[in-house]
Protein backbone atom coordinates (compact mmCIF):
# COMPACT_ATOMS: atom_id res chain seq x y z
CA UNK A 1 22.43 22.40 -0.17
CA UNK A 2 19.60 20.69 1.69
CA UNK A 3 19.49 16.91 1.43
CA UNK A 4 15.80 16.04 1.14
CA UNK A 5 12.85 15.38 -1.08
CA UNK A 6 10.33 17.81 -2.50
CA UNK A 7 8.18 17.57 0.64
CA UNK A 8 11.19 18.18 2.95
CA UNK A 9 11.58 14.60 4.14
CA UNK A 10 15.27 13.89 4.55
CA UNK A 11 16.74 10.89 2.79
CA UNK A 12 17.60 9.47 6.23
CA UNK A 13 13.87 9.30 6.99
CA UNK A 14 13.24 7.08 3.98
CA UNK A 15 13.49 3.30 3.65
CA UNK A 16 13.98 1.40 0.39
CA UNK A 17 11.64 -1.53 -0.13
CA UNK A 18 11.42 -4.19 -2.82
CA UNK A 19 7.78 -4.60 -3.82
CA UNK A 20 6.23 -7.84 -5.09
CA UNK A 21 5.86 -6.19 -8.52
CA UNK A 22 9.63 -5.77 -8.78
CA UNK A 23 9.82 -2.03 -8.07
CA UNK A 24 12.30 -0.66 -5.59
CA UNK A 25 10.83 2.44 -3.97
CA UNK A 26 11.61 4.82 -1.11
CA UNK A 27 8.93 5.00 1.55
CA UNK A 28 8.68 6.74 4.91
CA UNK A 29 10.74 4.74 7.41
CA UNK A 30 8.16 5.12 10.21
CA UNK A 31 5.31 3.90 7.98
CA UNK A 32 7.34 0.84 6.96
CA UNK A 33 8.12 0.09 10.61
CA UNK A 34 4.45 0.36 11.62
CA UNK A 35 3.29 -1.86 8.73
CA UNK A 36 5.87 -4.52 9.60
CA UNK A 37 4.91 -4.35 13.29
CA UNK A 38 1.25 -4.92 12.31
CA UNK A 39 2.36 -7.78 9.99
CA UNK A 40 0.92 -5.96 6.98
CA UNK A 41 2.35 -6.10 3.48
CA UNK A 42 4.52 -3.15 2.51
CA UNK A 43 3.68 -2.18 -1.08
CA UNK A 44 4.79 0.40 -3.60
CA UNK A 45 2.23 3.16 -4.29
CA UNK A 46 1.19 1.55 -7.61
CA UNK A 47 0.43 -1.84 -6.03
CA UNK A 48 -1.34 -0.20 -3.08
CA UNK A 49 -3.56 1.88 -5.36
CA UNK A 50 -4.30 -1.16 -7.55
CA UNK A 51 -5.22 -3.29 -4.50
CA UNK A 52 -7.48 -0.58 -3.09
CA UNK A 53 -9.15 -0.12 -6.48
CA UNK A 54 -9.85 -3.86 -6.71
CA UNK A 55 -11.28 -3.88 -3.17
CA UNK A 56 -13.56 -0.93 -3.97
CA UNK A 57 -14.74 -2.63 -7.19
CA UNK A 58 -15.49 -5.82 -5.26
CA UNK A 59 -17.46 -3.94 -2.61
CA UNK A 60 -19.40 -2.08 -5.33
CA UNK A 61 -20.18 -5.36 -7.12
CA UNK A 62 -21.48 -6.88 -3.87
CA UNK A 63 -23.60 -3.78 -3.23
CA UNK A 64 -24.95 -3.84 -6.82
CA UNK A 65 -25.85 -7.53 -6.52
CA UNK A 66 -23.34 -8.68 -9.13
CA UNK A 67 -21.38 -10.71 -6.55
CA UNK A 68 -22.71 -12.55 -3.54
CA UNK A 69 -21.41 -11.49 -0.14
CA UNK A 70 -19.50 -14.46 1.30
CA UNK A 71 -18.92 -12.77 4.65
CA UNK A 72 -15.14 -12.93 4.23
CA UNK A 73 -13.21 -9.90 5.42
CA UNK A 74 -10.09 -10.35 3.28
CA UNK A 75 -10.50 -9.68 -0.44
CA UNK A 76 -7.19 -11.04 -1.71
């Protein structure tokens, strides 16, 4: 029996993280290491997708003239 996930990533290549939302998820160990090296937040897929969605909505609102562009790079 092969020990791995559906996309053939072995369980030894995965790292468990505790997300700010309370979820404990398995993520690619190399991706987690790179994010930590860059001092970026490591998030579960749900939180990452939610954050990206909010950033896209904010950019669209600035483009549509609903919000004023403050020149800040960081959204949250």
